[in-house]
Amino acid sequence: MWCPHFKTQVVLNSDGFHHLQFSTRRERNKREQLLKFRLLPLALHIIRQLGTVQEYPKLLTPVGKARHGFIPMKDVEYWGLVAIVGQRQIKVRAVLRRVGTGNITFWSVMPYS
């Protein structure tokens, strides 16, 4: 899907959908999973209509599976896009992620508090 802020396509792939169901440590509870999936259409709207980025951390993070006892480290960028959306006018954060020099991908969605 096209994101006007980045002037590029944002990739929707299985990594983002997996992250809606699981955190790094465990499976999210069913209530949290349902909330994230209900907010997904609002997140897609935010990405398509975005004008500015509200949050931007860049971290050196372990990514992938261990090789020879070590997990490779890569620069990972996250963008938090916050907007008030939907019929009920709720504040939602959509999160995009890029690992290294790869594509920008949808990573998560949550109520903003």
N, C-alpha and C. Protein backbone atom coordinates (compact mmCIF):
# COMPACT_ATOMS: atom_id res chain seq x y z
N MET A 1 0.85 -1.16 0.00
CA MET A 1 0.00 0.00 0.00
C MET A 1 0.90 1.23 0.00
N TRP A 2 0.48 2.28 -0.68
CA TRP A 2 1.27 3.50 -0.83
C TRP A 2 1.19 4.35 0.44
N CYS A 3 2.33 4.85 0.90
CA CYS A 3 2.39 5.76 2.04
C CYS A 3 2.94 7.10 1.55
N PRO A 4 2.15 8.16 1.60
CA PRO A 4 2.59 9.45 1.07
C PRO A 4 3.78 10.04 1.81
N HIS A 5 3.91 9.79 3.10
CA HIS A 5 5.02 10.35 3.85
C HIS A 5 6.37 9.82 3.36
N PHE A 6 6.44 8.52 3.14
CA PHE A 6 7.69 7.89 2.70
C PHE A 6 7.83 7.86 1.18
N LYS A 7 6.74 8.18 0.49
CA LYS A 7 6.71 8.13 -0.98
C LYS A 7 7.18 6.77 -1.50
N THR A 8 6.66 5.74 -0.86
CA THR A 8 6.99 4.36 -1.23
C THR A 8 5.86 3.43 -0.77
N GLN A 9 5.96 2.20 -1.22
CA GLN A 9 5.01 1.18 -0.80
C GLN A 9 5.37 0.67 0.59
N VAL A 10 4.38 0.49 1.44
CA VAL A 10 4.56 -0.17 2.73
C VAL A 10 4.08 -1.61 2.54
N VAL A 11 4.93 -2.54 2.92
CA VAL A 11 4.65 -3.96 2.70
C VAL A 11 3.82 -4.51 3.85
N LEU A 12 2.76 -5.23 3.51
CA LEU A 12 1.98 -5.99 4.49
C LEU A 12 2.37 -7.45 4.31
N ASN A 13 3.03 -8.03 5.31
CA ASN A 13 3.46 -9.41 5.16
C ASN A 13 3.16 -10.21 6.44
N SER A 14 3.57 -11.44 6.43
CA SER A 14 3.25 -12.33 7.56
C SER A 14 3.95 -11.92 8.84
N ASP A 15 5.08 -11.21 8.75
CA ASP A 15 5.78 -10.79 9.97
C ASP A 15 4.89 -9.86 10.81
N GLY A 16 4.26 -8.89 10.16
CA GLY A 16 3.38 -7.97 10.88
C GLY A 16 2.16 -8.67 11.45
N PHE A 17 1.57 -9.57 10.67
CA PHE A 17 0.39 -10.29 11.16
C PHE A 17 0.77 -11.23 12.30
N HIS A 18 1.95 -11.82 12.23
CA HIS A 18 2.43 -12.67 13.32
C HIS A 18 2.61 -11.84 14.58
N HIS A 19 3.15 -10.62 14.42
CA HIS A 19 3.37 -9.76 15.58
C HIS A 19 2.05 -9.33 16.23
N LEU A 20 0.96 -9.29 15.49
CA LEU A 20 -0.34 -8.98 16.09
C LEU A 20 -0.80 -10.11 17.02
N GLN A 21 -0.34 -11.32 16.77
CA GLN A 21 -0.73 -12.48 17.57
C GLN A 21 0.27 -12.82 18.67
N PHE A 22 1.54 -12.49 18.45
CA PHE A 22 2.60 -12.87 19.39
C PHE A 22 3.48 -11.67 19.72
N SER A 23 3.92 -11.57 20.97
CA SER A 23 4.98 -10.63 21.30
C SER A 23 6.28 -11.41 21.16
N THR A 24 7.40 -10.82 21.51
CA THR A 24 8.66 -11.55 21.38
C THR A 24 8.77 -12.70 22.36
N ARG A 25 8.01 -12.63 23.44
CA ARG A 25 8.13 -13.65 24.48
C ARG A 25 7.02 -14.68 24.51
N ARG A 26 5.83 -14.31 24.03
CA ARG A 26 4.70 -15.21 24.24
C ARG A 26 3.57 -14.88 23.27
N GLU A 27 2.58 -15.76 23.25
CA GLU A 27 1.36 -15.46 22.49
C GLU A 27 0.56 -14.41 23.25
N ARG A 28 0.05 -13.43 22.54
CA ARG A 28 -0.81 -12.42 23.17
C ARG A 28 -2.13 -13.09 23.56
N ASN A 29 -2.77 -12.58 24.60
CA ASN A 29 -4.06 -13.18 24.97
C ASN A 29 -5.09 -12.87 23.87
N LYS A 30 -6.13 -13.66 23.83
CA LYS A 30 -7.12 -13.56 22.73
C LYS A 30 -7.77 -12.18 22.68
N ARG A 31 -8.02 -11.59 23.83
CA ARG A 31 -8.65 -10.26 23.87
C ARG A 31 -7.75 -9.22 23.20
N GLU A 32 -6.46 -9.27 23.49
CA GLU A 32 -5.50 -8.34 22.89
C GLU A 32 -5.38 -8.58 21.38
N GLN A 33 -5.36 -9.85 20.98
CA GLN A 33 -5.30 -10.17 19.55
C GLN A 33 -6.51 -9.62 18.81
N LEU A 34 -7.70 -9.83 19.37
CA LEU A 34 -8.92 -9.33 18.73
C LEU A 34 -8.92 -7.81 18.63
N LEU A 35 -8.46 -7.14 19.67
CA LEU A 35 -8.37 -5.68 19.64
C LEU A 35 -7.46 -5.22 18.50
N LYS A 36 -6.29 -5.84 18.38
CA LYS A 36 -5.35 -5.45 17.33
C LYS A 36 -5.94 -5.71 15.93
N PHE A 37 -6.62 -6.82 15.76
CA PHE A 37 -7.21 -7.12 14.45
C PHE A 37 -8.39 -6.19 14.15
N ARG A 38 -9.13 -5.76 15.18
CA ARG A 38 -10.21 -4.78 14.96
C ARG A 38 -9.66 -3.42 14.58
N LEU A 39 -8.50 -3.07 15.10
CA LEU A 39 -7.88 -1.77 14.80
C LEU A 39 -7.13 -1.77 13.46
N LEU A 40 -6.91 -2.94 12.88
CA LEU A 40 -6.12 -3.03 11.65
C LEU A 40 -6.65 -2.15 10.52
N PRO A 41 -7.95 -2.11 10.21
CA PRO A 41 -8.41 -1.22 9.14
C PRO A 41 -8.10 0.25 9.42
N LEU A 42 -8.16 0.65 10.69
CA LEU A 42 -7.83 2.03 11.05
C LEU A 42 -6.34 2.30 10.83
N ALA A 43 -5.50 1.31 11.16
CA ALA A 43 -4.06 1.46 10.94
C ALA A 43 -3.75 1.63 9.46
N LEU A 44 -4.41 0.85 8.61
CA LEU A 44 -4.18 0.96 7.17
C LEU A 44 -4.60 2.33 6.66
N HIS A 45 -5.69 2.86 7.21
CA HIS A 45 -6.14 4.20 6.85
C HIS A 45 -5.08 5.25 7.26
N ILE A 46 -4.53 5.12 8.47
CA ILE A 46 -3.50 6.04 8.94
C ILE A 46 -2.28 6.01 8.02
N ILE A 47 -1.86 4.83 7.63
CA ILE A 47 -0.67 4.70 6.76
C ILE A 47 -0.93 5.36 5.41
N ARG A 48 -2.12 5.16 4.85
CA ARG A 48 -2.45 5.73 3.54
C ARG A 48 -2.59 7.25 3.57
N GLN A 49 -3.05 7.80 4.69
CA GLN A 49 -3.36 9.22 4.78
C GLN A 49 -2.33 10.04 5.55
N LEU A 50 -1.27 9.41 6.01
CA LEU A 50 -0.32 10.04 6.92
C LEU A 50 0.34 11.29 6.35
N GLY A 51 0.49 12.28 7.20
CA GLY A 51 1.24 13.47 6.83
C GLY A 51 2.54 13.59 7.61
N THR A 52 2.55 13.17 8.88
CA THR A 52 3.75 13.30 9.71
C THR A 52 3.95 12.05 10.56
N VAL A 53 5.20 11.89 11.03
CA VAL A 53 5.56 10.79 11.93
C VAL A 53 5.69 11.37 13.33
N GLN A 54 5.08 10.73 14.32
CA GLN A 54 5.15 11.22 15.68
C GLN A 54 6.27 10.57 16.50
N GLU A 55 6.67 9.35 16.15
CA GLU A 55 7.68 8.63 16.92
C GLU A 55 8.67 7.98 15.97
N TYR A 56 9.97 8.01 16.34
CA TYR A 56 10.97 7.38 15.49
C TYR A 56 12.17 6.91 16.32
N PRO A 57 12.19 5.65 16.75
CA PRO A 57 13.41 5.11 17.34
C PRO A 57 14.17 4.27 16.29
N LYS A 58 15.49 4.30 16.39
CA LYS A 58 16.36 3.44 15.57
C LYS A 58 17.24 2.68 16.55
N LEU A 59 17.17 1.35 16.49
CA LEU A 59 17.85 0.51 17.47
C LEU A 59 18.72 -0.53 16.79
N LEU A 60 19.78 -0.93 17.46
CA LEU A 60 20.56 -2.08 17.03
C LEU A 60 19.95 -3.28 17.73
N THR A 61 19.36 -4.19 16.97
CA THR A 61 18.52 -5.24 17.53
C THR A 61 18.91 -6.61 16.98
N PRO A 62 18.85 -7.66 17.82
CA PRO A 62 19.06 -9.01 17.28
C PRO A 62 17.90 -9.39 16.36
N VAL A 63 18.23 -9.89 15.17
CA VAL A 63 17.20 -10.23 14.18
C VAL A 63 17.52 -11.60 13.60
N GLY A 64 16.53 -12.46 13.57
CA GLY A 64 16.69 -13.77 12.94
C GLY A 64 17.07 -14.85 13.93
N LYS A 65 17.50 -15.95 13.39
CA LYS A 65 17.84 -17.13 14.19
C LYS A 65 19.33 -17.15 14.50
N ALA A 66 19.67 -17.81 15.61
CA ALA A 66 21.07 -17.91 16.01
C ALA A 66 21.85 -18.75 15.02
N ARG A 67 23.03 -18.27 14.70
CA ARG A 67 23.97 -19.01 13.84
C ARG A 67 25.28 -19.12 14.59
N HIS A 68 25.75 -20.34 14.76
CA HIS A 68 27.00 -20.59 15.49
C HIS A 68 26.94 -19.98 16.89
N GLY A 69 25.76 -19.99 17.50
CA GLY A 69 25.59 -19.50 18.86
C GLY A 69 25.35 -18.00 18.97
N PHE A 70 25.30 -17.29 17.86
CA PHE A 70 25.11 -15.84 17.89
C PHE A 70 23.90 -15.45 17.05
N ILE A 71 23.17 -14.45 17.52
CA ILE A 71 22.06 -13.89 16.76
C ILE A 71 22.57 -12.64 16.06
N PRO A 72 22.41 -12.55 14.73
CA PRO A 72 22.91 -11.36 14.02
C PRO A 72 22.21 -10.09 14.49
N MET A 73 22.96 -9.00 14.55
CA MET A 73 22.43 -7.70 14.95
C MET A 73 22.28 -6.82 13.71
N LYS A 74 21.16 -6.09 13.65
CA LYS A 74 20.92 -5.18 12.54
C LYS A 74 20.29 -3.90 13.07
N ASP A 75 20.47 -2.81 12.30
CA ASP A 75 19.75 -1.59 12.61
C ASP A 75 18.28 -1.81 12.27
N VAL A 76 17.40 -1.48 13.21
CA VAL A 76 15.96 -1.60 12.98
C VAL A 76 15.34 -0.23 13.28
N GLU A 77 14.60 0.30 12.31
CA GLU A 77 13.92 1.57 12.47
C GLU A 77 12.43 1.31 12.68
N TYR A 78 11.83 2.07 13.58
CA TYR A 78 10.40 2.00 13.83
C TYR A 78 9.81 3.39 13.67
N TRP A 79 8.65 3.47 13.08
CA TRP A 79 7.92 4.74 12.96
C TRP A 79 6.56 4.56 13.61
N GLY A 80 6.21 5.44 14.53
CA GLY A 80 4.89 5.44 15.15
C GLY A 80 4.04 6.53 14.53
N LEU A 81 2.94 6.13 13.93
CA LEU A 81 2.03 7.05 13.26
C LEU A 81 0.76 7.12 14.10
N VAL A 82 0.48 8.27 14.67
CA VAL A 82 -0.64 8.41 15.59
C VAL A 82 -1.68 9.33 14.97
N ALA A 83 -2.94 8.91 15.04
CA ALA A 83 -4.03 9.74 14.52
C ALA A 83 -5.32 9.41 15.25
N ILE A 84 -6.24 10.35 15.22
CA ILE A 84 -7.59 10.12 15.74
C ILE A 84 -8.44 9.74 14.55
N VAL A 85 -8.99 8.51 14.57
CA VAL A 85 -9.66 7.96 13.39
C VAL A 85 -10.92 7.20 13.77
N GLY A 86 -11.68 6.84 12.76
CA GLY A 86 -12.86 6.00 12.93
C GLY A 86 -14.09 6.79 13.34
N GLN A 87 -15.21 6.08 13.31
CA GLN A 87 -16.48 6.71 13.68
C GLN A 87 -16.50 7.14 15.14
N ARG A 88 -15.80 6.38 15.98
CA ARG A 88 -15.79 6.69 17.42
C ARG A 88 -14.67 7.67 17.78
N GLN A 89 -13.90 8.12 16.77
CA GLN A 89 -12.83 9.08 16.97
C GLN A 89 -11.88 8.65 18.09
N ILE A 90 -11.22 7.48 17.88
CA ILE A 90 -10.27 6.99 18.87
C ILE A 90 -8.85 7.25 18.38
N LYS A 91 -7.95 7.40 19.33
CA LYS A 91 -6.54 7.67 19.01
C LYS A 91 -5.84 6.33 18.85
N VAL A 92 -5.23 6.13 17.67
CA VAL A 92 -4.63 4.84 17.32
C VAL A 92 -3.19 5.07 16.87
N ARG A 93 -2.30 4.15 17.25
CA ARG A 93 -0.91 4.17 16.79
C ARG A 93 -0.69 3.01 15.84
N ALA A 94 -0.25 3.31 14.62
CA ALA A 94 0.19 2.30 13.67
C ALA A 94 1.71 2.32 13.69
N VAL A 95 2.33 1.14 13.68
CA VAL A 95 3.78 1.06 13.74
C VAL A 95 4.30 0.43 12.46
N LEU A 96 5.29 1.09 11.86
CA LEU A 96 6.00 0.58 10.68
C LEU A 96 7.41 0.24 11.10
N ARG A 97 8.04 -0.68 10.36
CA ARG A 97 9.38 -1.14 10.73
C ARG A 97 10.21 -1.38 9.48
N ARG A 98 11.50 -1.10 9.57
CA ARG A 98 12.43 -1.45 8.51
C ARG A 98 13.66 -2.08 9.16
N VAL A 99 14.03 -3.26 8.68
CA VAL A 99 15.22 -3.95 9.17
C VAL A 99 16.34 -3.70 8.16
N GLY A 100 17.43 -3.11 8.65
CA GLY A 100 18.56 -2.80 7.77
C GLY A 100 18.13 -1.84 6.67
N THR A 101 18.41 -2.24 5.43
CA THR A 101 18.04 -1.41 4.28
C THR A 101 16.86 -2.01 3.53
N GLY A 102 16.11 -2.87 4.20
CA GLY A 102 14.98 -3.56 3.57
C GLY A 102 13.77 -2.66 3.37
N ASN A 103 12.67 -3.29 3.05
CA ASN A 103 11.40 -2.57 2.83
C ASN A 103 10.83 -2.07 4.15
N ILE A 104 10.05 -1.01 4.07
CA ILE A 104 9.26 -0.56 5.21
C ILE A 104 8.03 -1.46 5.27
N THR A 105 7.79 -2.05 6.43
CA THR A 105 6.68 -2.99 6.57
C THR A 105 5.75 -2.57 7.71
N PHE A 106 4.49 -2.96 7.59
CA PHE A 106 3.54 -2.79 8.69
C PHE A 106 3.99 -3.71 9.81
N TRP A 107 4.05 -3.19 11.04
CA TRP A 107 4.49 -4.01 12.17
C TRP A 107 3.42 -4.20 13.22
N SER A 108 2.67 -3.14 13.58
CA SER A 108 1.71 -3.32 14.66
C SER A 108 0.68 -2.19 14.68
N VAL A 109 -0.33 -2.36 15.50
CA VAL A 109 -1.34 -1.34 15.74
C VAL A 109 -1.82 -1.49 17.17
N MET A 110 -2.13 -0.36 17.81
CA MET A 110 -2.59 -0.39 19.19
C MET A 110 -3.34 0.90 19.51
N PRO A 111 -4.19 0.86 20.53
CA PRO A 111 -4.78 2.12 20.98
C PRO A 111 -3.66 2.99 21.54
N TYR A 112 -3.72 4.28 21.33
CA TYR A 112 -2.69 5.18 21.82
C TYR A 112 -3.10 5.70 23.19
N SER A 113 -2.21 5.55 24.16
CA SER A 113 -2.51 6.07 25.49
C SER A 113 -1.31 6.76 26.07
